[in-house]
Amino acid sequence: MNIFKKLKITDYIIILLVILLGGIGTFVLVKKKNFSNLPIEKETTIQFEVFFRGVTISDRVAPFQSGDDAFITIRNVPYTKLKIVALDGRPRVTIIPANNEKGYIVAEDVSTPNLYDFIIRLEDKAKKTSDGYVAGGNKIKMGIPVVIEGEKYKYSGTISGVYEVEEN
């Protein structure tokens, strides 16, 4: 039984219209996502900090170091390798009530000896627009989710600061 013998000319027209409208809809959606409609004020170098909360490290040595290259994913979209410009890692702390002028003491939390918080600073080329910085088609703003990945690690964090690098 051949399915094409049962179709009428109107069925072929409807199928063709569905295919064409689907293609046009996809083109419009892809075109809208493009940030090229924002006027570019200038191209510059930026640094952005990513905050990683609660990174568990068994051997108390950070898996990444300043100067390392790490692969970055922004908003679940793989981006590129960027250089780690700076790194600040601290063990988790707790606040203990005290009878001093502050009323509290900040101390390392001994109940979580392998838990650290990190701020990693990355550098990239970006375009400055009226809406902020855009690097590789990704808006770089505080609060944007970022995944950093290396040979032995993969951690999720959030952009916590964006800075333009002054060129000399």
Protein backbone atom coordinates (compact mmCIF):
# COMPACT_ATOMS: atom_id res chain seq x y z
CA MET A 1 0.00 0.00 0.00
CA ASN A 2 1.57 3.26 -1.13
CA ILE A 3 0.89 6.24 1.17
CA PHE A 4 1.59 8.77 -1.60
CA LYS A 5 -1.37 7.52 -3.71
CA LYS A 6 -3.81 8.48 -0.91
CA LEU A 7 -2.52 12.07 -0.54
CA LYS A 8 -4.33 14.84 -2.41
CA ILE A 9 -2.75 17.96 -3.87
CA THR A 10 -4.00 20.00 -0.88
CA ASP A 11 -2.15 17.62 1.46
CA TYR A 12 1.08 18.29 -0.44
CA ILE A 13 0.51 22.06 -0.22
CA ILE A 14 -0.11 21.86 3.56
CA ILE A 15 3.06 19.78 4.08
CA LEU A 16 5.08 22.25 2.01
CA LEU A 17 3.67 25.22 3.97
CA VAL A 18 4.50 23.57 7.31
CA ILE A 19 8.08 22.95 6.19
CA LEU A 20 8.50 26.52 4.89
CA LEU A 21 6.96 28.17 7.97
CA GLY A 22 9.09 26.01 10.26
CA GLY A 23 12.22 27.10 8.41
CA ILE A 24 11.22 30.76 8.53
CA GLY A 25 10.42 30.48 12.26
CA THR A 26 13.79 28.91 12.96
CA PHE A 27 15.55 31.63 10.96
CA VAL A 28 13.72 34.39 12.90
CA LEU A 29 14.58 32.80 16.27
CA VAL A 30 18.25 32.40 15.37
CA LYS A 31 18.38 35.95 14.03
CA LYS A 32 16.82 37.38 17.22
CA LYS A 33 19.40 35.65 19.42
CA ASN A 34 22.23 37.34 17.55
CA PHE A 35 23.56 40.31 19.54
CA SER A 36 24.86 42.05 16.42
CA ASN A 37 21.89 44.43 16.39
CA LEU A 38 23.38 46.24 19.41
CA PRO A 39 25.82 48.95 18.34
CA ILE A 40 29.39 48.12 19.33
CA GLU A 41 31.00 51.01 21.18
CA LYS A 42 34.47 49.45 21.22
CA GLU A 43 36.42 46.22 21.43
CA THR A 44 38.32 45.80 24.68
CA THR A 45 39.89 43.35 27.09
CA ILE A 46 37.84 42.43 30.13
CA GLN A 47 38.42 40.38 33.23
CA PHE A 48 35.55 38.70 35.02
CA GLU A 49 35.45 36.92 38.34
CA VAL A 50 33.59 33.66 38.88
CA PHE A 51 32.58 32.62 42.39
CA PHE A 52 32.59 28.90 43.21
CA ARG A 53 30.90 28.03 46.51
CA GLY A 54 31.49 24.78 48.35
CA VAL A 55 34.25 23.19 46.25
CA THR A 56 35.26 19.90 47.90
CA ILE A 57 38.97 19.16 47.71
CA SER A 58 40.34 16.05 49.44
CA ASP A 59 44.04 16.86 49.35
CA ARG A 60 43.67 20.60 50.20
CA VAL A 61 45.43 21.61 46.96
CA ALA A 62 43.41 23.60 44.43
CA PRO A 63 43.01 21.74 41.12
CA PHE A 64 43.51 24.99 39.22
CA GLN A 65 46.26 27.58 39.54
CA SER A 66 46.83 31.13 38.39
CA GLY A 67 48.23 31.01 34.84
CA ASP A 68 46.42 27.78 33.90
CA ASP A 69 44.11 27.54 30.90
CA ALA A 70 40.60 26.28 31.63
CA PHE A 71 37.70 25.50 29.31
CA ILE A 72 34.69 27.71 30.01
CA THR A 73 30.99 27.04 29.45
CA ILE A 74 28.67 30.05 29.78
CA ARG A 75 24.91 29.45 30.24
CA ASN A 76 25.34 25.78 29.27
CA VAL A 77 26.94 26.78 25.95
CA PRO A 78 30.56 25.63 25.48
CA TYR A 79 32.72 28.69 24.86
CA THR A 80 36.52 28.48 24.82
CA LYS A 81 39.68 28.09 26.87
CA LEU A 82 40.58 31.15 28.92
CA LYS A 83 43.58 31.93 31.10
CA ILE A 84 43.13 32.07 34.88
CA VAL A 85 44.60 35.47 35.75
CA ALA A 86 44.08 35.34 39.52
CA LEU A 87 42.80 32.89 42.10
CA ASP A 88 41.59 33.34 45.67
CA GLY A 89 40.60 30.23 47.62
CA ARG A 90 39.53 30.12 51.23
CA PRO A 91 38.29 27.39 53.53
CA ARG A 92 34.72 27.64 54.74
CA VAL A 93 34.31 29.81 57.83
CA THR A 94 31.78 30.00 60.63
CA ILE A 95 30.78 32.77 62.99
CA ILE A 96 31.12 32.13 66.71
CA PRO A 97 29.48 34.43 69.29
CA ALA A 98 32.06 36.17 71.49
CA ASN A 99 32.24 38.76 74.22
CA ASN A 100 34.37 41.23 72.32
CA GLU A 101 33.59 44.58 70.75
CA LYS A 102 32.35 42.95 67.50
CA GLY A 103 30.25 40.38 69.33
CA TYR A 104 31.52 37.53 67.15
CA ILE A 105 34.62 35.72 65.91
CA VAL A 106 35.12 34.43 62.36
CA ALA A 107 36.89 31.06 62.41
CA GLU A 108 37.59 28.22 59.99
CA ASP A 109 34.73 25.72 60.09
CA VAL A 110 36.34 22.53 61.40
CA SER A 111 33.18 20.55 60.63
CA THR A 112 33.88 20.96 56.87
CA PRO A 113 37.66 20.62 56.56
CA ASN A 114 37.68 19.96 52.79
CA LEU A 115 35.16 22.60 51.70
CA TYR A 116 36.46 25.76 50.01
CA ASP A 117 35.10 28.84 48.29
CA PHE A 118 37.01 30.16 45.27
CA ILE A 119 36.99 33.34 43.23
CA ILE A 120 38.74 32.90 39.89
CA ARG A 121 39.52 35.84 37.61
CA LEU A 122 39.52 35.14 33.86
CA GLU A 123 40.55 37.38 30.96
CA ASP A 124 38.96 37.64 27.52
CA LYS A 125 38.42 39.97 24.55
CA ALA A 126 34.93 41.48 24.44
CA LYS A 127 32.78 43.99 22.63
CA LYS A 128 31.29 46.79 24.70
CA THR A 129 27.67 47.54 23.81
CA SER A 130 25.02 49.70 25.42
CA ASP A 131 23.84 46.53 27.21
CA GLY A 132 27.26 45.60 28.67
CA TYR A 133 30.05 43.33 27.46
CA VAL A 134 29.65 40.55 24.90
CA ALA A 135 32.35 37.88 24.46
CA GLY A 136 31.89 35.22 21.79
CA GLY A 137 28.16 35.96 21.55
CA ASN A 138 27.71 35.59 25.34
CA LYS A 139 26.68 38.47 27.56
CA ILE A 140 29.15 38.74 30.43
CA LYS A 141 27.23 40.00 33.46
CA MET A 142 27.11 39.30 37.18
CA GLY A 143 24.85 36.36 37.99
CA ILE A 144 25.45 34.46 34.73
CA PRO A 145 26.18 30.75 35.36
CA VAL A 146 29.64 29.51 34.32
CA VAL A 147 31.24 26.06 34.33
CA ILE A 148 35.02 25.81 34.47
CA GLU A 149 36.59 22.54 33.36
CA GLY A 150 40.09 21.17 33.32
CA GLU A 151 41.75 17.80 33.01
CA LYS A 152 40.84 16.74 36.58
CA TYR A 153 37.91 18.97 37.55
CA LYS A 154 34.58 20.51 36.54
CA TYR A 155 32.93 23.11 38.79
CA SER A 156 29.88 25.34 38.44
CA GLY A 157 29.90 28.95 39.56
CA THR A 158 28.47 32.38 38.93
CA ILE A 159 30.01 35.55 37.52
CA SER A 160 30.47 37.91 40.48
CA GLY A 161 32.32 40.83 38.88
CA VAL A 162 33.18 42.26 35.45
CA TYR A 163 36.04 44.72 34.88
CA GLU A 164 37.44 46.45 31.82
CA VAL A 165 41.22 46.23 31.60
CA GLU A 166 42.83 49.60 31.05
CA GLU A 167 45.13 49.33 28.03
CA ASN A 168 48.42 51.23 28.29
